[in-house]
């Protein structure tokens, strides 16, 4: 495992410290979880952007045009 020494604002540290106490985890665990979640979000965004490059708006419209233009059943309507 690698240690990382990063300066952060005191106000952020206090928020992290309070949240770690609330969640009953160490500050190190909380920071690792938060960093992991953010990295995952960035990677997902990059993946979706890459997949979008191979998409075709015209093909998407062709598929949508096959959907009948009718009202949905009552149980399937948005409130």
N, C-alpha and C. Protein backbone atom coordinates (compact mmCIF):
# COMPACT_ATOMS: atom_id res chain seq x y z
N UNK A 1 0.84 -1.17 0.00
CA UNK A 1 0.00 0.00 0.00
C UNK A 1 0.89 1.23 0.00
N UNK A 2 0.44 2.29 -0.65
CA UNK A 2 1.20 3.52 -0.76
C UNK A 2 0.60 4.59 0.12
N UNK A 3 1.45 5.33 0.79
CA UNK A 3 0.99 6.48 1.58
C UNK A 3 1.05 7.72 0.72
N UNK A 4 0.11 8.62 0.95
CA UNK A 4 0.02 9.85 0.19
C UNK A 4 -0.09 11.01 1.17
N UNK A 5 0.81 11.95 1.06
CA UNK A 5 0.80 13.11 1.94
C UNK A 5 0.37 14.32 1.11
N UNK A 6 -0.85 14.80 1.37
CA UNK A 6 -1.42 15.87 0.56
C UNK A 6 -1.90 16.99 1.46
N UNK A 7 -1.45 18.22 1.22
CA UNK A 7 -1.97 19.33 2.01
C UNK A 7 -3.41 19.65 1.60
N UNK A 8 -4.28 19.82 2.58
CA UNK A 8 -5.67 20.19 2.32
C UNK A 8 -6.04 21.33 3.27
N UNK A 9 -7.03 22.11 2.91
CA UNK A 9 -7.46 23.20 3.80
C UNK A 9 -7.96 22.66 5.14
N UNK A 10 -7.70 23.44 6.18
CA UNK A 10 -8.14 23.04 7.53
C UNK A 10 -9.64 22.80 7.58
N UNK A 11 -10.40 23.64 6.88
CA UNK A 11 -11.87 23.49 6.90
C UNK A 11 -12.30 22.14 6.32
N UNK A 12 -11.64 21.70 5.27
CA UNK A 12 -11.96 20.39 4.68
C UNK A 12 -11.58 19.27 5.63
N UNK A 13 -10.42 19.40 6.26
CA UNK A 13 -9.99 18.37 7.22
C UNK A 13 -11.00 18.24 8.35
N UNK A 14 -11.51 19.35 8.84
CA UNK A 14 -12.49 19.29 9.92
C UNK A 14 -13.77 18.59 9.47
N UNK A 15 -14.18 18.83 8.24
CA UNK A 15 -15.37 18.14 7.71
C UNK A 15 -15.11 16.64 7.59
N UNK A 16 -13.95 16.29 7.09
CA UNK A 16 -13.59 14.87 6.96
C UNK A 16 -13.54 14.21 8.33
N UNK A 17 -12.93 14.89 9.28
CA UNK A 17 -12.80 14.36 10.63
C UNK A 17 -14.18 14.12 11.25
N UNK A 18 -15.08 15.09 11.11
CA UNK A 18 -16.42 14.95 11.67
C UNK A 18 -17.19 13.82 10.99
N UNK A 19 -17.06 13.71 9.70
CA UNK A 19 -17.76 12.65 8.97
C UNK A 19 -17.21 11.27 9.34
N UNK A 20 -15.91 11.19 9.51
CA UNK A 20 -15.31 9.91 9.90
C UNK A 20 -15.83 9.46 11.26
N UNK A 21 -15.96 10.40 12.18
CA UNK A 21 -16.51 10.06 13.50
C UNK A 21 -17.95 9.61 13.35
N UNK A 22 -18.73 10.36 12.57
CA UNK A 22 -20.15 10.02 12.36
C UNK A 22 -20.31 8.63 11.74
N UNK A 23 -19.45 8.32 10.78
CA UNK A 23 -19.55 7.03 10.07
C UNK A 23 -18.78 5.92 10.78
N UNK A 24 -18.11 6.26 11.87
CA UNK A 24 -17.36 5.29 12.66
C UNK A 24 -16.28 4.58 11.85
N UNK A 25 -15.53 5.38 11.07
CA UNK A 25 -14.40 4.87 10.31
C UNK A 25 -13.22 5.80 10.55
N UNK A 26 -12.04 5.34 10.23
CA UNK A 26 -10.87 6.20 10.38
C UNK A 26 -10.87 7.25 9.27
N UNK A 27 -10.14 8.32 9.52
CA UNK A 27 -10.01 9.36 8.50
C UNK A 27 -9.38 8.77 7.25
N UNK A 28 -8.40 7.90 7.43
CA UNK A 28 -7.73 7.28 6.29
C UNK A 28 -8.71 6.46 5.45
N UNK A 29 -9.57 5.69 6.14
CA UNK A 29 -10.57 4.89 5.42
C UNK A 29 -11.54 5.79 4.66
N UNK A 30 -12.00 6.83 5.31
CA UNK A 30 -12.96 7.74 4.68
C UNK A 30 -12.36 8.40 3.44
N UNK A 31 -11.13 8.86 3.56
CA UNK A 31 -10.47 9.50 2.41
C UNK A 31 -10.27 8.49 1.28
N UNK A 32 -9.87 7.28 1.60
CA UNK A 32 -9.69 6.26 0.56
C UNK A 32 -11.00 5.94 -0.14
N UNK A 33 -12.09 5.85 0.62
CA UNK A 33 -13.41 5.57 0.04
C UNK A 33 -13.84 6.72 -0.87
N UNK A 34 -13.68 7.95 -0.37
CA UNK A 34 -14.08 9.12 -1.16
C UNK A 34 -13.26 9.24 -2.43
N UNK A 35 -11.96 9.02 -2.33
CA UNK A 35 -11.09 9.10 -3.50
C UNK A 35 -11.43 8.01 -4.51
N UNK A 36 -11.70 6.82 -4.01
CA UNK A 36 -12.08 5.72 -4.88
C UNK A 36 -13.38 6.02 -5.63
N UNK A 37 -14.34 6.58 -4.93
CA UNK A 37 -15.62 6.91 -5.56
C UNK A 37 -15.43 7.98 -6.64
N UNK A 38 -14.62 8.98 -6.37
CA UNK A 38 -14.40 10.04 -7.35
C UNK A 38 -13.65 9.53 -8.57
N UNK A 39 -12.63 8.72 -8.35
CA UNK A 39 -11.88 8.16 -9.48
C UNK A 39 -12.80 7.30 -10.33
N UNK A 40 -13.65 6.52 -9.69
CA UNK A 40 -14.60 5.67 -10.42
C UNK A 40 -15.55 6.53 -11.25
N UNK A 41 -16.03 7.63 -10.69
CA UNK A 41 -16.92 8.53 -11.44
C UNK A 41 -16.22 9.11 -12.66
N UNK A 42 -14.98 9.54 -12.49
CA UNK A 42 -14.23 10.08 -13.63
C UNK A 42 -14.02 9.03 -14.71
N UNK A 43 -13.69 7.81 -14.29
CA UNK A 43 -13.46 6.75 -15.25
C UNK A 43 -14.75 6.38 -15.98
N UNK A 44 -15.85 6.38 -15.26
CA UNK A 44 -17.14 6.09 -15.89
C UNK A 44 -17.49 7.15 -16.91
N UNK A 45 -17.26 8.41 -16.56
CA UNK A 45 -17.51 9.53 -17.49
C UNK A 45 -16.68 9.35 -18.75
N UNK A 46 -15.40 9.04 -18.58
CA UNK A 46 -14.52 8.83 -19.73
C UNK A 46 -15.00 7.66 -20.59
N UNK A 47 -15.44 6.58 -19.94
CA UNK A 47 -15.93 5.40 -20.67
C UNK A 47 -17.17 5.75 -21.49
N UNK A 48 -18.09 6.48 -20.87
CA UNK A 48 -19.32 6.85 -21.58
C UNK A 48 -19.02 7.78 -22.75
N UNK A 49 -18.12 8.73 -22.54
CA UNK A 49 -17.75 9.63 -23.63
C UNK A 49 -17.12 8.86 -24.79
N UNK A 50 -16.29 7.87 -24.47
CA UNK A 50 -15.65 7.07 -25.51
C UNK A 50 -16.68 6.25 -26.27
N UNK A 51 -17.62 5.65 -25.54
CA UNK A 51 -18.68 4.86 -26.21
C UNK A 51 -19.56 5.75 -27.07
N UNK A 52 -19.80 6.98 -26.62
CA UNK A 52 -20.65 7.90 -27.37
C UNK A 52 -20.05 8.24 -28.73
N UNK A 53 -18.73 8.23 -28.81
CA UNK A 53 -18.07 8.53 -30.09
C UNK A 53 -18.43 7.53 -31.17
N UNK A 54 -18.73 6.30 -30.77
CA UNK A 54 -19.05 5.28 -31.76
C UNK A 54 -20.55 5.22 -32.05
N UNK A 55 -21.33 6.04 -31.35
CA UNK A 55 -22.77 6.05 -31.54
C UNK A 55 -23.16 6.87 -32.76
N UNK A 56 -24.40 6.71 -33.16
CA UNK A 56 -24.92 7.43 -34.32
C UNK A 56 -26.27 8.03 -33.96
N UNK A 57 -26.35 9.33 -34.06
CA UNK A 57 -27.62 10.01 -33.76
C UNK A 57 -28.70 9.55 -34.75
N UNK A 58 -28.33 9.37 -36.01
CA UNK A 58 -29.31 8.94 -37.02
C UNK A 58 -29.86 7.55 -36.70
N UNK A 59 -28.99 6.63 -36.29
CA UNK A 59 -29.46 5.29 -35.93
C UNK A 59 -30.36 5.34 -34.70
N UNK A 60 -30.01 6.19 -33.75
CA UNK A 60 -30.85 6.36 -32.56
C UNK A 60 -32.24 6.86 -32.96
N UNK A 61 -32.29 7.83 -33.83
CA UNK A 61 -33.57 8.36 -34.29
C UNK A 61 -34.38 7.29 -35.05
N UNK A 62 -33.70 6.45 -35.81
CA UNK A 62 -34.38 5.38 -36.54
C UNK A 62 -35.07 4.42 -35.56
N UNK A 63 -34.39 4.11 -34.48
CA UNK A 63 -34.97 3.22 -33.47
C UNK A 63 -36.15 3.91 -32.79
N UNK A 64 -35.98 5.16 -32.42
CA UNK A 64 -37.07 5.89 -31.77
C UNK A 64 -38.30 6.01 -32.68
N UNK A 65 -38.07 6.13 -33.97
CA UNK A 65 -39.18 6.24 -34.92
C UNK A 65 -40.03 4.97 -34.98
N UNK A 66 -39.50 3.85 -34.51
CA UNK A 66 -40.25 2.60 -34.50
C UNK A 66 -41.21 2.51 -33.31
N UNK A 67 -41.04 3.41 -32.34
CA UNK A 67 -41.89 3.39 -31.15
C UNK A 67 -43.24 4.01 -31.52
N UNK A 68 -44.35 3.31 -31.23
CA UNK A 68 -45.65 3.86 -31.58
C UNK A 68 -45.94 5.16 -30.82
N UNK A 69 -46.61 6.09 -31.48
CA UNK A 69 -46.95 7.38 -30.88
C UNK A 69 -48.33 7.27 -30.23
N UNK A 70 -48.37 6.59 -29.08
CA UNK A 70 -49.63 6.41 -28.36
C UNK A 70 -49.43 6.77 -26.89
N UNK A 71 -50.52 7.05 -26.23
CA UNK A 71 -50.46 7.34 -24.80
C UNK A 71 -50.11 6.06 -24.03
N UNK A 72 -49.31 6.18 -22.98
CA UNK A 72 -49.00 4.99 -22.17
C UNK A 72 -50.20 4.57 -21.34
N UNK A 73 -50.18 3.33 -20.91
CA UNK A 73 -51.21 2.84 -20.00
C UNK A 73 -51.16 3.67 -18.71
N UNK A 74 -52.28 3.73 -17.99
CA UNK A 74 -52.34 4.53 -16.75
C UNK A 74 -51.25 4.13 -15.75
N UNK A 75 -50.99 2.82 -15.65
CA UNK A 75 -50.00 2.35 -14.66
C UNK A 75 -48.58 2.73 -15.08
N UNK A 76 -48.39 3.15 -16.33
CA UNK A 76 -47.05 3.43 -16.83
C UNK A 76 -46.80 4.92 -17.04
N UNK A 77 -47.73 5.75 -16.59
CA UNK A 77 -47.56 7.20 -16.75
C UNK A 77 -46.77 7.77 -15.59
N UNK A 78 -46.04 8.82 -15.88
CA UNK A 78 -45.33 9.54 -14.83
C UNK A 78 -46.34 10.36 -14.03
N UNK A 79 -46.10 10.42 -12.75
CA UNK A 79 -47.03 11.15 -11.88
C UNK A 79 -46.96 12.64 -12.10
